[in-house]
Amino acid sequence: MRTLVVKYLPSGKASNTKILLDYFKNNIKGDIQELDLLSERPPIFTPESLEAYDLRDYLGEKLDSNLENKIKPFDEIINKFVNNDIVVIACPFYNFSYPGEMKNFFDAILLLGQTFTQHVENGITKYKGLMEGKKILTIYTAAGNVKEGSPHYHLNFLEPLGKTMYELMGFSEMKFVTAAVRIRFMSPEGKNEELTKKSIASACEELKEIAMKWYA
């Protein structure tokens, strides 16, 4: 079993998401690789790399060495992503969704012919993911309860966006696990350490169940 952990944890050792990620890692087995977006930043499109992407993956043209070098950073990060059985995404919840650096990562791997394909059928574009048979887990923490079913779930754009991207890539199974931390913005009782501890403990139980099921 090969697992790739893609993490963006700017709070470092103080990160609550790190607590959950470390707990999950301690309950799984197999080959675990990590991609830390703080030290290995994902590439972003420039005019040259976008031209290379369009020519190669949309038009099927052979690239010259200059354009090959421009698209190479995307190919390298995609290869790290696709050659795994399970992918774990770990990050905080920023401004109702993924942090910008994590969104840059998804923009770098969601490329035609790399993680999905498309074709036109009866005038309608249809997509097929290339990550079939693989699983993906997203671990994140937020300043308040934004879980599905909570009064604040309408503010959570991370999970709907994640589901859309993961479905496009064809993942066979996806899970989202979150904990409410530093509860002060979305809770009338203000910051409550006891609620934070309970939320983290509950998330750890969810992660344990996932680990037992996926790594049996």
Protein backbone atom coordinates (compact mmCIF):
# COMPACT_ATOMS: atom_id res chain seq x y z
CA MET A 1 0.00 0.00 0.00
CA ARG A 2 1.47 3.33 -1.10
CA THR A 3 0.29 6.54 0.55
CA LEU A 4 1.11 10.11 -0.43
CA VAL A 5 0.61 12.83 2.19
CA VAL A 6 0.27 16.31 0.69
CA LYS A 7 0.45 18.83 3.51
CA TYR A 8 0.37 22.57 4.01
CA LEU A 9 0.76 23.32 7.72
CA PRO A 10 1.98 26.90 8.16
CA SER A 11 1.46 26.79 11.95
CA GLY A 12 4.19 24.17 12.20
CA LYS A 13 4.31 22.28 15.50
CA ALA A 14 1.37 24.35 16.78
CA SER A 15 -0.87 23.12 13.95
CA ASN A 16 -4.06 21.38 15.03
CA THR A 17 -4.27 19.74 11.61
CA LYS A 18 -0.83 18.26 12.31
CA ILE A 19 -2.25 16.60 15.43
CA LEU A 20 -4.84 14.82 13.31
CA LEU A 21 -2.40 13.99 10.53
CA ASP A 22 0.15 12.53 12.95
CA TYR A 23 -2.57 10.44 14.59
CA PHE A 24 -3.63 9.04 11.23
CA LYS A 25 -0.06 8.29 10.15
CA ASN A 26 0.53 6.40 13.41
CA ASN A 27 -2.43 4.15 12.58
CA ILE A 28 -1.54 3.20 9.03
CA LYS A 29 1.04 0.96 7.40
CA GLY A 30 2.87 0.61 4.11
CA ASP A 31 5.03 3.03 2.15
CA ILE A 32 4.30 6.64 3.16
CA GLN A 33 5.68 9.54 1.11
CA GLU A 34 5.19 13.21 1.97
CA LEU A 35 4.95 16.34 -0.14
CA ASP A 36 5.32 19.45 2.00
CA LEU A 37 4.04 22.46 0.10
CA LEU A 38 5.90 24.81 2.44
CA SER A 39 9.24 23.57 1.11
CA GLU A 40 8.23 22.22 -2.30
CA ARG A 41 5.88 24.81 -3.70
CA PRO A 42 3.65 23.71 -6.58
CA PRO A 43 4.25 25.27 -9.98
CA ILE A 44 1.84 27.87 -11.31
CA PHE A 45 1.11 28.55 -14.94
CA THR A 46 3.09 31.16 -16.83
CA PRO A 47 2.48 32.11 -20.47
CA GLU A 48 5.18 29.62 -21.51
CA SER A 49 4.05 26.65 -19.39
CA LEU A 50 0.42 27.24 -20.33
CA GLU A 51 1.39 27.25 -24.00
CA ALA A 52 3.25 23.96 -23.48
CA TYR A 53 0.21 22.43 -21.76
CA ASP A 54 -2.17 23.53 -24.53
CA LEU A 55 0.11 22.33 -27.34
CA ARG A 56 0.94 18.97 -25.80
CA ASP A 57 -2.19 17.88 -23.94
CA TYR A 58 -4.95 19.56 -25.96
CA LEU A 59 -3.49 19.66 -29.46
CA GLY A 60 -1.21 16.61 -29.26
CA GLU A 61 1.84 18.43 -30.62
CA LYS A 62 5.45 17.57 -29.85
CA LEU A 63 7.20 20.19 -27.74
CA ASP A 64 10.63 21.63 -28.29
CA SER A 65 13.14 21.35 -25.44
CA ASN A 66 12.35 24.85 -24.14
CA LEU A 67 8.64 24.15 -23.75
CA GLU A 68 9.34 20.69 -22.36
CA ASN A 69 11.33 22.30 -19.57
CA LYS A 70 8.45 24.71 -18.86
CA ILE A 71 5.93 21.90 -18.32
CA LYS A 72 8.38 19.57 -16.54
CA PRO A 73 7.64 20.85 -12.98
CA PHE A 74 3.96 19.98 -13.52
CA ASP A 75 4.84 16.48 -14.76
CA GLU A 76 7.08 15.88 -11.74
CA ILE A 77 4.46 16.79 -9.16
CA ILE A 78 1.76 14.84 -11.03
CA ASN A 79 3.96 11.73 -11.06
CA LYS A 80 4.27 11.97 -7.28
CA PHE A 81 0.50 12.25 -7.01
CA VAL A 82 -0.67 9.46 -9.30
CA ASN A 83 1.72 6.69 -8.27
CA ASN A 84 -0.08 5.95 -5.00
CA ASP A 85 -3.00 3.92 -3.72
CA ILE A 86 -4.14 6.50 -1.17
CA VAL A 87 -3.69 10.28 -1.07
CA VAL A 88 -4.00 12.28 2.15
CA ILE A 89 -4.54 16.04 1.95
CA ALA A 90 -3.83 17.95 5.18
CA CYS A 91 -4.32 21.68 5.61
CA PRO A 92 -6.15 24.36 7.60
CA PHE A 93 -9.47 25.86 6.53
CA TYR A 94 -8.83 29.39 5.19
CA ASN A 95 -11.48 31.84 4.04
CA PHE A 96 -14.13 29.13 3.63
CA SER A 97 -12.00 26.74 1.55
CA TYR A 98 -8.51 25.37 0.86
CA PRO A 99 -5.52 27.66 1.52
CA GLY A 100 -4.15 29.26 -1.62
CA GLU A 101 -1.03 27.09 -1.73
CA MET A 102 -3.14 23.92 -1.62
CA LYS A 103 -5.38 25.28 -4.37
CA ASN A 104 -2.23 25.94 -6.43
CA PHE A 105 -1.35 22.29 -5.94
CA PHE A 106 -4.68 21.15 -7.33
CA ASP A 107 -4.36 23.56 -10.25
CA ALA A 108 -0.98 21.96 -11.02
CA ILE A 109 -2.25 18.35 -11.06
CA LEU A 110 -5.72 18.70 -12.57
CA LEU A 111 -4.41 18.52 -16.12
CA LEU A 112 -6.00 16.91 -19.14
CA GLY A 113 -4.42 13.59 -20.00
CA GLN A 114 -2.68 13.41 -16.62
CA THR A 115 -5.41 12.97 -13.99
CA PHE A 116 -8.48 13.02 -16.26
CA THR A 117 -9.48 12.76 -19.90
CA GLN A 118 -12.38 14.19 -21.87
CA HIS A 119 -14.30 13.45 -25.03
CA VAL A 120 -17.33 14.87 -26.79
CA GLU A 121 -20.37 12.65 -27.13
CA ASN A 122 -23.45 13.95 -28.96
CA GLY A 123 -22.18 17.48 -28.53
CA ILE A 124 -21.65 17.08 -24.77
CA THR A 125 -18.22 17.04 -23.16
CA LYS A 126 -17.77 14.05 -20.88
CA TYR A 127 -14.95 13.42 -18.46
CA LYS A 128 -13.22 10.29 -17.21
CA GLY A 129 -10.93 10.28 -14.19
CA LEU A 130 -7.61 8.47 -14.23
CA MET A 131 -7.43 7.84 -10.47
CA GLU A 132 -9.95 5.00 -10.45
CA GLY A 133 -9.42 2.41 -7.73
CA LYS A 134 -7.64 4.94 -5.51
CA LYS A 135 -8.81 6.67 -2.32
CA ILE A 136 -8.36 10.20 -1.03
CA LEU A 137 -8.71 11.61 2.49
CA THR A 138 -8.84 15.30 3.35
CA ILE A 139 -7.93 16.29 6.91
CA TYR A 140 -8.53 19.89 7.91
CA THR A 141 -9.32 22.03 10.95
CA ALA A 142 -11.45 25.16 11.10
CA ALA A 143 -12.21 27.93 13.56
CA GLY A 144 -15.62 26.54 14.37
CA ASN A 145 -17.90 23.71 13.39
CA VAL A 146 -18.28 23.61 9.61
CA LYS A 147 -19.08 19.90 9.32
CA GLU A 148 -21.91 18.77 7.11
CA GLY A 149 -25.14 19.14 9.08
CA SER A 150 -23.86 22.04 11.19
CA PRO A 151 -25.47 25.52 11.05
CA HIS A 152 -22.30 26.84 9.39
CA TYR A 153 -21.87 24.19 6.70
CA HIS A 154 -23.14 26.69 4.11
CA LEU A 155 -19.86 28.56 4.67
CA ASN A 156 -17.82 25.46 3.86
CA PHE A 157 -16.71 25.54 0.23
CA LEU A 158 -13.76 23.24 0.85
CA GLU A 159 -15.73 20.01 0.82
CA PRO A 160 -17.95 20.77 -2.22
CA LEU A 161 -14.89 21.90 -4.18
CA GLY A 162 -12.91 18.87 -3.03
CA LYS A 163 -15.68 16.47 -4.01
CA THR A 164 -15.90 18.05 -7.47
CA MET A 165 -12.15 17.78 -8.06
CA TYR A 166 -11.87 14.25 -6.66
CA GLU A 167 -14.82 13.05 -8.73
CA LEU A 168 -13.28 14.59 -11.86
CA MET A 169 -10.09 12.64 -11.17
CA GLY A 170 -12.09 9.47 -10.66
CA PHE A 171 -11.23 8.58 -7.06
CA SER A 172 -13.18 5.51 -6.01
CA GLU A 173 -13.60 6.69 -2.41
CA MET A 174 -13.21 10.02 -0.65
CA LYS A 175 -13.42 11.07 2.99
CA PHE A 176 -13.33 14.43 4.75
CA VAL A 177 -12.42 14.68 8.43
CA THR A 178 -12.43 17.99 10.27
CA ALA A 179 -12.22 19.34 13.80
CA ALA A 180 -13.45 22.65 15.24
CA VAL A 181 -10.54 24.49 16.88
CA ARG A 182 -10.08 27.96 18.37
CA ILE A 183 -13.85 28.25 18.61
CA ARG A 184 -14.54 31.95 18.89
CA PHE A 185 -15.80 33.23 15.55
CA MET A 186 -18.71 30.84 15.13
CA SER A 187 -19.64 30.02 18.71
CA PRO A 188 -21.44 32.27 21.20
CA GLU A 189 -19.41 30.91 24.13
CA GLY A 190 -16.18 32.21 22.64
CA LYS A 191 -12.93 30.31 22.67
CA ASN A 192 -13.47 27.03 24.47
CA GLU A 193 -10.50 24.70 24.92
CA GLU A 194 -12.69 21.85 26.12
CA LEU A 195 -14.77 21.92 22.96
CA THR A 196 -11.60 21.96 20.89
CA LYS A 197 -10.26 18.87 22.69
CA LYS A 198 -13.56 17.05 22.22
CA SER A 199 -13.68 17.94 18.53
CA ILE A 200 -10.10 16.73 17.97
CA ALA A 201 -10.84 13.50 19.86
CA SER A 202 -13.94 12.91 17.75
CA ALA A 203 -11.97 13.52 14.53
CA CYS A 204 -9.30 11.06 15.70
CA GLU A 205 -11.97 8.40 16.13
CA GLU A 206 -13.11 9.00 12.55
CA LEU A 207 -9.52 8.74 11.33
CA LYS A 208 -8.99 5.50 13.23
CA GLU A 209 -12.04 3.96 11.56
CA ILE A 210 -10.81 5.04 8.12
CA ALA A 211 -7.34 3.65 8.79
CA MET A 212 -8.74 0.30 9.92
CA LYS A 213 -10.92 0.06 6.81
CA TRP A 214 -8.48 1.29 4.18
CA TYR A 215 -5.36 -0.43 5.51
CA ALA A 216 -6.85 -3.74 6.62
